Protein backbone atom coordinates (compact mmCIF):
# COMPACT_ATOMS: atom_id res chain seq x y z
CA MET A 1 293.10 72.14 -15.70
CA SER A 2 292.60 70.59 -12.13
CA PRO A 3 289.67 71.53 -9.90
CA MET A 4 292.12 73.45 -7.77
CA ALA A 5 293.71 75.36 -10.54
CA MET A 6 290.28 76.33 -11.99
CA MET A 7 289.28 77.56 -8.45
CA MET A 8 292.51 79.55 -8.05
CA ASN A 9 292.02 80.94 -11.60
CA GLY A 10 288.74 82.34 -10.83
CA ILE A 11 289.83 83.81 -7.50
CA ALA A 12 292.84 85.52 -9.19
CA LYS A 13 290.51 86.94 -11.88
CA LYS A 14 288.30 88.49 -9.29
CA MET A 15 291.25 90.08 -7.52
CA ASP A 16 293.12 91.34 -10.66
CA LYS A 17 291.54 90.94 -14.07
CA ASP A 18 295.02 91.31 -15.64
CA TYR A 19 296.89 88.96 -13.30
CA LYS A 20 298.33 86.82 -16.06
CA LYS A 21 300.12 89.89 -17.55
CA ASN A 22 301.02 91.34 -14.20
CA GLY A 23 304.50 90.34 -13.11
CA ASN A 24 303.85 90.78 -9.34
CA VAL A 25 303.74 87.83 -7.07
CA LYS A 26 300.26 87.85 -5.57
CA TRP A 27 300.12 84.37 -4.16
CA ASN A 28 302.30 82.51 -1.84
CA PHE A 29 301.70 79.47 -4.10
CA THR A 30 303.66 80.86 -7.02
CA LYS A 31 306.71 78.40 -7.63
CA PHE A 32 310.03 79.18 -8.92
CA LEU A 33 312.58 76.91 -10.41
CA ILE A 34 316.01 78.15 -9.42
CA SER A 35 319.49 77.06 -10.71
CA ARG A 36 322.31 76.10 -8.56
CA ASP A 37 323.70 79.53 -9.21
CA GLY A 38 320.58 81.18 -8.07
CA GLU A 39 319.24 82.20 -11.47
CA ILE A 40 315.44 82.06 -11.91
CA LEU A 41 314.86 79.38 -14.71
CA ALA A 42 311.08 79.37 -14.44
CA ARG A 43 308.26 80.67 -12.82
CA PHE A 44 304.93 78.82 -12.34
CA GLU A 45 301.59 80.49 -11.25
CA PRO A 46 299.23 78.83 -8.89
CA THR A 47 297.17 77.65 -11.84
CA ALA A 48 300.10 75.95 -13.51
CA SER A 49 299.75 72.11 -13.66
CA MET A 50 302.31 70.12 -11.43
CA LYS A 51 302.85 68.16 -14.73
CA SER A 52 304.32 71.14 -16.34
CA VAL A 53 306.44 71.87 -13.28
CA MET A 54 307.71 68.32 -13.14
CA GLU A 55 308.59 68.47 -17.03
CA LYS A 56 310.54 71.71 -16.53
CA VAL A 57 312.41 70.34 -13.56
CA LYS A 58 313.35 67.12 -15.39
CA ALA A 59 314.44 69.13 -18.43
CA VAL A 60 316.84 71.08 -16.19
CA LEU A 61 318.29 68.10 -14.38
């Protein structure tokens, strides 16, 4: 986990102890992978590594 992800994880836990189970978008850093048809294919929380984001994007291409 990157230093930024570790920091964001700590902040999120302070704000909402159950943030990983809560589906609400709490951060403007949450990323979504959207299909050409407008379908949500994946959601990445601020603590997700960019490597996992890139892997999912490559898999969809």
